[in-house]
Amino acid sequence: MPAKTVFLDRDGVISVFTPNDYIKNWKEFKFIPGAVEGLKILCKNNYRLVIISNQAGVNKGLFTKKSLDDLTKKMLDVLKKQGVEVAKIYYCPHTPEEN
């Protein structure tokens, strides 16, 4: 039987949301309390995890695609050590003006 898939926003679901700023690097990234445990439960119940996130800060020049990739790699490393497997991650780096 194929796995069920759940799509999760990164900011505000997995990491603490910063309403007036962007998470620009690993030092600014913080998991929401209980998020990793929730992800573990989803994995144990055969859900395929897909993370999605708007990251307009890339195209606004506030941080680079490389810094986003570095942050993502560190987040995935932490999750993997906790037994959480993420199938895919999709980011939208476009600004609202780019439609």
PDB file of N, CA and C in Angstrom:
ATOM      1  N   MET A   1       0.853  -1.188   0.000  1.00  0.00           N
ATOM      2  CA  MET A   1       0.000   0.000   0.000  1.00  0.00           C
ATOM      3  C   MET A   1       0.892   1.242   0.000  1.00  0.00           C
ATOM      4  N   PRO A   2       0.637   2.219  -0.884  1.00  0.00           N
ATOM      5  CA  PRO A   2       1.474   3.425  -0.917  1.00  0.00           C
ATOM      6  C   PRO A   2       1.322   4.232   0.371  1.00  0.00           C
ATOM      7  N   ALA A   3       2.413   4.890   0.721  1.00  0.00           N
ATOM      8  CA  ALA A   3       2.390   5.721   1.923  1.00  0.00           C
ATOM      9  C   ALA A   3       1.473   6.915   1.724  1.00  0.00           C
ATOM     10  N   LYS A   4       0.875   7.357   2.819  1.00  0.00           N
ATOM     11  CA  LYS A   4       0.095   8.593   2.789  1.00  0.00           C
ATOM     12  C   LYS A   4       1.107   9.740   2.829  1.00  0.00           C
ATOM     13  N   THR A   5       0.800  10.837   2.186  1.00  0.00           N
ATOM     14  CA  THR A   5       1.708  11.983   2.159  1.00  0.00           C
ATOM     15  C   THR A   5       1.092  13.140   2.921  1.00  0.00           C
ATOM     16  N   VAL A   6       1.910  13.796   3.714  1.00  0.00           N
ATOM     17  CA  VAL A   6       1.479  15.000   4.414  1.00  0.00           C
ATOM     18  C   VAL A   6       2.430  16.129   4.025  1.00  0.00           C
ATOM     19  N   PHE A   7       1.858  17.277   3.669  1.00  0.00           N
ATOM     20  CA  PHE A   7       2.636  18.459   3.319  1.00  0.00           C
ATOM     21  C   PHE A   7       2.636  19.390   4.526  1.00  0.00           C
ATOM     22  N   LEU A   8       3.836  19.776   4.948  1.00  0.00           N
ATOM     23  CA  LEU A   8       3.985  20.604   6.140  1.00  0.00           C
ATOM     24  C   LEU A   8       4.758  21.874   5.810  1.00  0.00           C
ATOM     25  N   ASP A   9       4.225  23.007   6.211  1.00  0.00           N
ATOM     26  CA  ASP A   9       4.964  24.256   6.062  1.00  0.00           C
ATOM     27  C   ASP A   9       6.114  24.234   7.063  1.00  0.00           C
ATOM     28  N   ARG A  10       7.253  24.769   6.676  1.00  0.00           N
ATOM     29  CA  ARG A  10       8.399  24.784   7.586  1.00  0.00           C
ATOM     30  C   ARG A  10       8.202  25.819   8.694  1.00  0.00           C
ATOM     31  N   ASP A  11       8.039  27.072   8.288  1.00  0.00           N
ATOM     32  CA  ASP A  11       7.961  28.158   9.270  1.00  0.00           C
ATOM     33  C   ASP A  11       6.569  28.219   9.896  1.00  0.00           C
ATOM     34  N   GLY A  12       6.540  28.080  11.203  1.00  0.00           N
ATOM     35  CA  GLY A  12       5.278  28.118  11.924  1.00  0.00           C
ATOM     36  C   GLY A  12       4.683  26.746  12.193  1.00  0.00           C
ATOM     37  N   VAL A  13       5.238  25.697  11.571  1.00  0.00           N
ATOM     38  CA  VAL A  13       4.774  24.332  11.803  1.00  0.00           C
ATOM     39  C   VAL A  13       5.918  23.484  12.364  1.00  0.00           C
ATOM     40  N   ILE A  14       7.085  23.607  11.732  1.00  0.00           N
ATOM     41  CA  ILE A  14       8.266  22.870  12.182  1.00  0.00           C
ATOM     42  C   ILE A  14       9.203  23.799  12.948  1.00  0.00           C
ATOM     43  N   SER A  15       9.412  24.985  12.404  1.00  0.00           N
ATOM     44  CA  SER A  15      10.289  25.962  13.062  1.00  0.00           C
ATOM     45  C   SER A  15       9.469  27.161  13.539  1.00  0.00           C
ATOM     46  N   VAL A  16      10.028  27.862  14.493  1.00  0.00           N
ATOM     47  CA  VAL A  16       9.377  29.051  15.040  1.00  0.00           C
ATOM     48  C   VAL A  16       9.220  30.077  13.923  1.00  0.00           C
ATOM     49  N   PHE A  17       8.018  30.637  13.804  1.00  0.00           N
ATOM     50  CA  PHE A  17       7.712  31.642  12.790  1.00  0.00           C
ATOM     51  C   PHE A  17       8.174  33.011  13.271  1.00  0.00           C
ATOM     52  N   THR A  18       8.835  33.737  12.392  1.00  0.00           N
ATOM     53  CA  THR A  18       9.273  35.103  12.711  1.00  0.00           C
ATOM     54  C   THR A  18       8.489  36.054  11.805  1.00  0.00           C
ATOM     55  N   PRO A  19       7.385  36.638  12.293  1.00  0.00           N
ATOM     56  CA  PRO A  19       6.470  37.374  11.435  1.00  0.00           C
ATOM     57  C   PRO A  19       7.050  38.603  10.745  1.00  0.00           C
ATOM     58  N   ASN A  20       8.027  39.231  11.309  1.00  0.00           N
ATOM     59  CA  ASN A  20       8.580  40.447  10.702  1.00  0.00           C
ATOM     60  C   ASN A  20       9.990  40.264  10.182  1.00  0.00           C
ATOM     61  N   ASP A  21      10.390  39.015   9.978  1.00  0.00           N
ATOM     62  CA  ASP A  21      11.744  38.729   9.535  1.00  0.00           C
ATOM     63  C   ASP A  21      11.758  37.363   8.863  1.00  0.00           C
ATOM     64  N   TYR A  22      12.912  36.981   8.383  1.00  0.00           N
ATOM     65  CA  TYR A  22      13.112  35.666   7.786  1.00  0.00           C
ATOM     66  C   TYR A  22      14.143  34.911   8.609  1.00  0.00           C
ATOM     67  N   ILE A  23      14.040  33.586   8.593  1.00  0.00           N
ATOM     68  CA  ILE A  23      15.079  32.749   9.185  1.00  0.00           C
ATOM     69  C   ILE A  23      16.165  32.653   8.121  1.00  0.00           C
ATOM     70  N   LYS A  24      17.257  33.348   8.351  1.00  0.00           N
ATOM     71  CA  LYS A  24      18.289  33.514   7.321  1.00  0.00           C
ATOM     72  C   LYS A  24      19.443  32.532   7.435  1.00  0.00           C
ATOM     73  N   ASN A  25      19.589  31.900   8.597  1.00  0.00           N
ATOM     74  CA  ASN A  25      20.697  30.966   8.798  1.00  0.00           C
ATOM     75  C   ASN A  25      20.359  30.028   9.948  1.00  0.00           C
ATOM     76  N   TRP A  26      21.215  29.039  10.148  1.00  0.00           N
ATOM     77  CA  TRP A  26      20.974  28.001  11.160  1.00  0.00           C
ATOM     78  C   TRP A  26      20.899  28.585  12.568  1.00  0.00           C
ATOM     79  N   LYS A  27      21.665  29.620  12.850  1.00  0.00           N
ATOM     80  CA  LYS A  27      21.651  30.217  14.194  1.00  0.00           C
ATOM     81  C   LYS A  27      20.270  30.772  14.548  1.00  0.00           C
ATOM     82  N   GLU A  28      19.528  31.180  13.546  1.00  0.00           N
ATOM     83  CA  GLU A  28      18.199  31.761  13.781  1.00  0.00           C
ATOM     84  C   GLU A  28      17.089  30.710  13.786  1.00  0.00           C
ATOM     85  N   PHE A  29      17.394  29.504  13.354  1.00  0.00           N
ATOM     86  CA  PHE A  29      16.402  28.430  13.251  1.00  0.00           C
ATOM     87  C   PHE A  29      16.164  27.806  14.619  1.00  0.00           C
ATOM     88  N   LYS A  30      14.891  27.648  14.985  1.00  0.00           N
ATOM     89  CA  LYS A  30      14.531  26.957  16.233  1.00  0.00           C
ATOM     90  C   LYS A  30      13.315  26.082  15.956  1.00  0.00           C
ATOM     91  N   PHE A  31      13.406  24.807  16.354  1.00  0.00           N
ATOM     92  CA  PHE A  31      12.260  23.923  16.223  1.00  0.00           C
ATOM     93  C   PHE A  31      11.173  24.361  17.201  1.00  0.00           C
ATOM     94  N   ILE A  32       9.921  24.288  16.778  1.00  0.00           N
ATOM     95  CA  ILE A  32       8.800  24.525  17.678  1.00  0.00           C
ATOM     96  C   ILE A  32       8.785  23.382  18.686  1.00  0.00           C
ATOM     97  N   PRO A  33       8.592  23.682  19.971  1.00  0.00           N
ATOM     98  CA  PRO A  33       8.511  22.599  20.954  1.00  0.00           C
ATOM     99  C   PRO A  33       7.456  21.567  20.541  1.00  0.00           C
ATOM    100  N   GLY A  34       7.854  20.308  20.529  1.00  0.00           N
ATOM    101  CA  GLY A  34       6.957  19.215  20.175  1.00  0.00           C
ATOM    102  C   GLY A  34       6.920  18.881  18.686  1.00  0.00           C
ATOM    103  N   ALA A  35       7.517  19.728  17.845  1.00  0.00           N
ATOM    104  CA  ALA A  35       7.458  19.493  16.394  1.00  0.00           C
ATOM    105  C   ALA A  35       8.174  18.205  15.997  1.00  0.00           C
ATOM    106  N   VAL A  36       9.363  17.993  16.517  1.00  0.00           N
ATOM    107  CA  VAL A  36      10.119  16.779  16.144  1.00  0.00           C
ATOM    108  C   VAL A  36       9.356  15.541  16.601  1.00  0.00           C
ATOM    109  N   GLU A  37       8.785  15.590  17.793  1.00  0.00           N
ATOM    110  CA  GLU A  37       8.022  14.447  18.291  1.00  0.00           C
ATOM    111  C   GLU A  37       6.811  14.183  17.400  1.00  0.00           C
ATOM    112  N   GLY A  38       6.151  15.252  16.946  1.00  0.00           N
ATOM    113  CA  GLY A  38       5.015  15.096  16.041  1.00  0.00           C
ATOM    114  C   GLY A  38       5.423  14.486  14.712  1.00  0.00           C
ATOM    115  N   LEU A  39       6.568  14.915  14.201  1.00  0.00           N
ATOM    116  CA  LEU A  39       7.067  14.353  12.949  1.00  0.00           C
ATOM    117  C   LEU A  39       7.392  12.866  13.111  1.00  0.00           C
ATOM    118  N   LYS A  40       7.939  12.502  14.270  1.00  0.00           N
ATOM    119  CA  LYS A  40       8.226  11.086  14.543  1.00  0.00           C
ATOM    120  C   LYS A  40       6.951  10.256  14.515  1.00  0.00           C
ATOM    121  N   ILE A  41       5.885  10.795  15.090  1.00  0.00           N
ATOM    122  CA  ILE A  41       4.603  10.083  15.115  1.00  0.00           C
ATOM    123  C   ILE A  41       4.094   9.874  13.692  1.00  0.00           C
ATOM    124  N   LEU A  42       4.193  10.922  12.867  1.00  0.00           N
ATOM    125  CA  LEU A  42       3.776  10.788  11.473  1.00  0.00           C
ATOM    126  C   LEU A  42       4.577   9.699  10.763  1.00  0.00           C
ATOM    127  N   CYS A  43       5.897   9.697  10.965  1.00  0.00           N
ATOM    128  CA  CYS A  43       6.756   8.683  10.330  1.00  0.00           C
ATOM    129  C   CYS A  43       6.386   7.279  10.795  1.00  0.00           C
ATOM    130  N   LYS A  44       6.173   7.126  12.097  1.00  0.00           N
ATOM    131  CA  LYS A  44       5.827   5.805  12.636  1.00  0.00           C
ATOM    132  C   LYS A  44       4.493   5.306  12.104  1.00  0.00           C
ATOM    133  N   ASN A  45       3.642   6.233  11.667  1.00  0.00           N
ATOM    134  CA  ASN A  45       2.341   5.871  11.120  1.00  0.00           C
ATOM    135  C   ASN A  45       2.344   5.866   9.592  1.00  0.00           C
ATOM    136  N   ASN A  46       3.551   5.708   9.033  1.00  0.00           N
ATOM    137  CA  ASN A  46       3.752   5.530   7.589  1.00  0.00           C
ATOM    138  C   ASN A  46       3.347   6.720   6.722  1.00  0.00           C
ATOM    139  N   TYR A  47       3.492   7.912   7.263  1.00  0.00           N
ATOM    140  CA  TYR A  47       3.278   9.099   6.443  1.00  0.00           C
ATOM    141  C   TYR A  47       4.580   9.480   5.754  1.00  0.00           C
ATOM    142  N   ARG A  48       4.471   9.877   4.514  1.00  0.00           N
ATOM    143  CA  ARG A  48       5.595  10.413   3.737  1.00  0.00           C
ATOM    144  C   ARG A  48       5.582  11.923   3.985  1.00  0.00           C
ATOM    145  N   LEU A  49       6.687  12.470   4.494  1.00  0.00           N
ATOM    146  CA  LEU A  49       6.753  13.883   4.860  1.00  0.00           C
ATOM    147  C   LEU A  49       7.318  14.725   3.729  1.00  0.00           C
ATOM    148  N   VAL A  50       6.596  15.771   3.376  1.00  0.00           N
ATOM    149  CA  VAL A  50       7.043  16.738   2.384  1.00  0.00           C
ATOM    150  C   VAL A  50       6.958  18.110   3.050  1.00  0.00           C
ATOM    151  N   ILE A  51       8.073  18.818   3.046  1.00  0.00           N
ATOM    152  CA  ILE A  51       8.123  20.161   3.634  1.00  0.00           C
ATOM    153  C   ILE A  51       8.047  21.182   2.509  1.00  0.00           C
ATOM    154  N   ILE A  52       7.208  22.184   2.708  1.00  0.00           N
ATOM    155  CA  ILE A  52       7.061  23.275   1.748  1.00  0.00           C
ATOM    156  C   ILE A  52       7.269  24.592   2.483  1.00  0.00           C
ATOM    157  N   SER A  53       7.744  25.607   1.761  1.00  0.00           N
ATOM    158  CA  SER A  53       7.958  26.885   2.439  1.00  0.00           C
ATOM    159  C   SER A  53       8.168  28.007   1.434  1.00  0.00           C
ATOM    160  N   ASN A  54       7.533  29.127   1.699  1.00  0.00           N
ATOM    161  CA  ASN A  54       7.825  30.350   0.954  1.00  0.00           C
ATOM    162  C   ASN A  54       9.110  30.930   1.524  1.00  0.00           C
ATOM    163  N   GLN A  55      10.060  31.234   0.670  1.00  0.00           N
ATOM    164  CA  GLN A  55      11.329  31.807   1.101  1.00  0.00           C
ATOM    165  C   GLN A  55      11.684  32.989   0.192  1.00  0.00           C
ATOM    166  N   ALA A  56      10.791  33.982   0.156  1.00  0.00           N
ATOM    167  CA  ALA A  56      10.979  35.164  -0.693  1.00  0.00           C
ATOM    168  C   ALA A  56      12.239  35.935  -0.330  1.00  0.00           C
ATOM    169  N   GLY A  57      12.762  35.721   0.867  1.00  0.00           N
ATOM    170  CA  GLY A  57      13.994  36.397   1.277  1.00  0.00           C
ATOM    171  C   GLY A  57      15.154  36.120   0.338  1.00  0.00           C
ATOM    172  N   VAL A  58      15.123  34.989  -0.358  1.00  0.00           N
ATOM    173  CA  VAL A  58      16.179  34.675  -1.335  1.00  0.00           C
ATOM    174  C   VAL A  58      16.155  35.711  -2.457  1.00  0.00           C
ATOM    175  N   ASN A  59      15.002  35.882  -3.099  1.00  0.00           N
ATOM    176  CA  ASN A  59      14.922  36.812  -4.218  1.00  0.00           C
ATOM    177  C   ASN A  59      14.903  38.274  -3.776  1.00  0.00           C
ATOM    178  N   LYS A  60      14.641  38.507  -2.491  1.00  0.00           N
ATOM    179  CA  LYS A  60      14.744  39.874  -1.968  1.00  0.00           C
ATOM    180  C   LYS A  60      16.194  40.225  -1.639  1.00  0.00           C
ATOM    181  N   GLY A  61      17.091  39.227  -1.720  1.00  0.00           N
ATOM    182  CA  GLY A  61      18.500  39.453  -1.435  1.00  0.00           C
ATOM    183  C   GLY A  61      18.846  39.480   0.045  1.00  0.00           C
ATOM    184  N   LEU A  62      17.945  38.969   0.897  1.00  0.00           N
ATOM    185  CA  LEU A  62      18.191  38.976   2.340  1.00  0.00           C
ATOM    186  C   LEU A  62      19.065  37.804   2.781  1.00  0.00           C
ATOM    187  N   PHE A  63      19.053  36.733   1.995  1.00  0.00           N
ATOM    188  CA  PHE A  63      19.942  35.592   2.206  1.00  0.00           C
ATOM    189  C   PHE A  63      20.066  34.865   0.880  1.00  0.00           C
ATOM    190  N   THR A  64      21.068  34.037   0.775  1.00  0.00           N
ATOM    191  CA  THR A  64      21.343  33.364  -0.497  1.00  0.00           C
ATOM    192  C   THR A  64      20.684  31.989  -0.548  1.00  0.00           C
ATOM    193  N   LYS A  65      20.584  31.460  -1.753  1.00  0.00           N
ATOM    194  CA  LYS A  65      20.095  30.090  -1.933  1.00  0.00           C
ATOM    195  C   LYS A  65      21.021  29.114  -1.225  1.00  0.00           C
ATOM    196  N   LYS A  66      22.325  29.404  -1.239  1.00  0.00           N
ATOM    197  CA  LYS A  66      23.292  28.544  -0.545  1.00  0.00           C
ATOM    198  C   LYS A  66      23.031  28.527   0.958  1.00  0.00           C
ATOM    199  N   SER A  67      22.767  29.691   1.548  1.00  0.00           N
ATOM    200  CA  SER A  67      22.508  29.707   2.993  1.00  0.00           C
ATOM    201  C   SER A  67      21.210  28.967   3.313  1.00  0.00           C
ATOM    202  N   LEU A  68      20.214  29.062   2.429  1.00  0.00           N
ATOM    203  CA  LEU A  68      18.979  28.293   2.606  1.00  0.00           C
ATOM    204  C   LEU A  68      19.276  26.798   2.497  1.00  0.00           C
ATOM    205  N   ASP A  69      20.077  26.411   1.521  1.00  0.00           N
ATOM    206  CA  ASP A  69      20.457  25.006   1.367  1.00  0.00           C
ATOM    207  C   ASP A  69      21.231  24.498   2.585  1.00  0.00           C
ATOM    208  N   ASP A  70      22.142  25.312   3.114  1.00  0.00           N
ATOM    209  CA  ASP A  70      22.918  24.929   4.307  1.00  0.00           C
ATOM    210  C   ASP A  70      22.003  24.736   5.518  1.00  0.00           C
ATOM    211  N   LEU A  71      21.085  25.667   5.708  1.00  0.00           N
ATOM    212  CA  LEU A  71      20.133  25.571   6.824  1.00  0.00           C
ATOM    213  C   LEU A  71      19.295  24.298   6.664  1.00  0.00           C
ATOM    214  N   THR A  72      18.830  24.046   5.452  1.00  0.00           N
ATOM    215  CA  THR A  72      18.003  22.868   5.186  1.00  0.00           C
ATOM    216  C   THR A  72      18.770  21.582   5.481  1.00  0.00           C
ATOM    217  N   LYS A  73      20.020  21.514   5.059  1.00  0.00           N
ATOM    218  CA  LYS A  73      20.836  20.327   5.314  1.00  0.00           C
ATOM    219  C   LYS A  73      20.983  20.083   6.817  1.00  0.00           C
ATOM    220  N   LYS A  74      21.230  21.136   7.577  1.00  0.00           N
ATOM    221  CA  LYS A  74      21.384  20.977   9.033  1.00  0.00           C
ATOM    222  C   LYS A  74      20.068  20.535   9.670  1.00  0.00           C
ATOM    223  N   MET A  75      18.950  21.124   9.220  1.00  0.00           N
ATOM    224  CA  MET A  75      17.647  20.723   9.750  1.00  0.00           C
ATOM    225  C   MET A  75      17.398  19.240   9.468  1.00  0.00           C
ATOM    226  N   LEU A  76      17.675  18.813   8.235  1.00  0.00           N
ATOM    227  CA  LEU A  76      17.477  17.409   7.868  1.00  0.00           C
ATOM    228  C   LEU A  76      18.394  16.479   8.656  1.00  0.00           C
ATOM    229  N   ASP A  77      19.626  16.902   8.906  1.00  0.00           N
ATOM    230  CA  ASP A  77      20.556  16.099   9.717  1.00  0.00           C
ATOM    231  C   ASP A  77      20.011  15.889  11.122  1.00  0.00           C
ATOM    232  N   VAL A  78      19.506  16.961  11.731  1.00  0.00           N
ATOM    233  CA  VAL A  78      18.933  16.858  13.083  1.00  0.00           C
ATOM    234  C   VAL A  78      17.724  15.930  13.060  1.00  0.00           C
ATOM    235  N   LEU A  79      16.851  16.111  12.082  1.00  0.00           N
ATOM    236  CA  LEU A  79      15.654  15.272  12.003  1.00  0.00           C
ATOM    237  C   LEU A  79      16.012  13.805  11.790  1.00  0.00           C
ATOM    238  N   LYS A  80      16.965  13.545  10.905  1.00  0.00           N
ATOM    239  CA  LYS A  80      17.370  12.158  10.642  1.00  0.00           C
ATOM    240  C   LYS A  80      17.915  11.488  11.909  1.00  0.00           C
ATOM    241  N   LYS A  81      18.711  12.230  12.683  1.00  0.00           N
ATOM    242  CA  LYS A  81      19.251  11.681  13.937  1.00  0.00           C
ATOM    243  C   LYS A  81      18.137  11.357  14.924  1.00  0.00           C
ATOM    244  N   GLN A  82      16.997  12.032  14.769  1.00  0.00           N
ATOM    245  CA  GLN A  82      15.852  11.786  15.646  1.00  0.00           C
ATOM    246  C   GLN A  82      14.892  10.743  15.063  1.00  0.00           C
ATOM    247  N   GLY A  83      15.270  10.153  13.920  1.00  0.00           N
ATOM    248  CA  GLY A  83      14.442   9.123  13.322  1.00  0.00           C
ATOM    249  C   GLY A  83      13.353   9.644  12.396  1.00  0.00           C
ATOM    250  N   VAL A  84      13.498  10.896  11.962  1.00  0.00           N
ATOM    251  CA  VAL A  84      12.509  11.499  11.064  1.00  0.00           C
ATOM    252  C   VAL A  84      13.082  11.535   9.656  1.00  0.00           C
ATOM    253  N   GLU A  85      12.371  10.917   8.722  1.00  0.00           N
ATOM    254  CA  GLU A  85      12.797  10.894   7.328  1.00  0.00           C
ATOM    255  C   GLU A  85      11.884  11.816   6.519  1.00  0.00           C
ATOM    256  N   VAL A  86      12.495  12.797   5.860  1.00  0.00           N
ATOM    257  CA  VAL A  86      11.749  13.737   5.015  1.00  0.00           C
ATOM    258  C   VAL A  86      11.952  13.312   3.564  1.00  0.00           C
ATOM    259  N   ALA A  87      10.848  13.110   2.846  1.00  0.00           N
ATOM    260  CA  ALA A  87      10.923  12.625   1.462  1.00  0.00           C
ATOM    261  C   ALA A  87      11.363  13.729   0.506  1.00  0.00           C
ATOM    262  N   LYS A  88      10.808  14.915   0.656  1.00  0.00           N
ATOM    263  CA  LYS A  88      11.091  16.022  -0.264  1.00  0.00           C
ATOM    264  C   LYS A  88      10.934  17.349   0.462  1.00  0.00           C
ATOM    265  N   ILE A  89      11.623  18.349  -0.067  1.00  0.00           N
ATOM    266  CA  ILE A  89      11.453  19.726   0.407  1.00  0.00           C
ATOM    267  C   ILE A  89      11.317  20.608  -0.822  1.00  0.00           C
ATOM    268  N   TYR A  90      10.317  21.469  -0.798  1.00  0.00           N
ATOM    269  CA  TYR A  90      10.100  22.418  -1.878  1.00  0.00           C
ATOM    270  C   TYR A  90      10.060  23.829  -1.303  1.00  0.00           C
ATOM    271  N   TYR A  91      10.833  24.722  -1.910  1.00  0.00           N
ATOM    272  CA  TYR A  91      10.845  26.123  -1.512  1.00  0.00           C
ATOM    273  C   TYR A  91      10.413  26.991  -2.683  1.00  0.00           C
ATOM    274  N   CYS A  92       9.698  28.048  -2.388  1.00  0.00           N
ATOM    275  CA  CYS A  92       9.376  29.059  -3.383  1.00  0.00           C
ATOM    276  C   CYS A  92      10.171  30.317  -3.016  1.00  0.00           C
ATOM    277  N   PRO A  93      11.200  30.658  -3.796  1.00  0.00           N
ATOM    278  CA  PRO A  93      12.034  31.811  -3.468  1.00  0.00           C
ATOM    279  C   PRO A  93      11.496  33.128  -4.037  1.00  0.00           C
ATOM    280  N   HIS A  94      10.353  33.067  -4.711  1.00  0.00           N
ATOM    281  CA  HIS A  94       9.851  34.247  -5.423  1.00  0.00           C
ATOM    282  C   HIS A  94       9.137  35.218  -4.491  1.00  0.00           C
ATOM    283  N   THR A  95       9.233  36.487  -4.829  1.00  0.00           N
ATOM    284  CA  THR A  95       8.528  37.529  -4.081  1.00  0.00           C
ATOM    285  C   THR A  95       7.088  37.597  -4.579  1.00  0.00           C
ATOM    286  N   PRO A  96       6.184  38.158  -3.786  1.00  0.00           N
ATOM    287  CA  PRO A  96       4.795  38.297  -4.254  1.00  0.00           C
ATOM    288  C   PRO A  96       4.710  39.087  -5.562  1.00  0.00           C
ATOM    289  N   GLU A  97       5.591  40.041  -5.752  1.00  0.00           N
ATOM    290  CA  GLU A  97       5.577  40.857  -6.970  1.00  0.00           C
ATOM    291  C   GLU A  97       5.930  40.034  -8.211  1.00  0.00           C
ATOM    292  N   GLU A  98       6.644  38.932  -8.023  1.00  0.00           N
ATOM    293  CA  GLU A  98       7.004  38.062  -9.143  1.00  0.00           C
ATOM    294  C   GLU A  98       5.861  37.121  -9.538  1.00  0.00           C
ATOM    295  N   ASN A  99       4.814  37.146  -8.726  1.00  0.00           N
ATOM    296  CA  ASN A  99       3.607  36.354  -8.980  1.00  0.00           C
ATOM    297  C   ASN A  99       3.929  34.883  -9.114  1.00  0.00           C
TER     298      ASN A  99
END
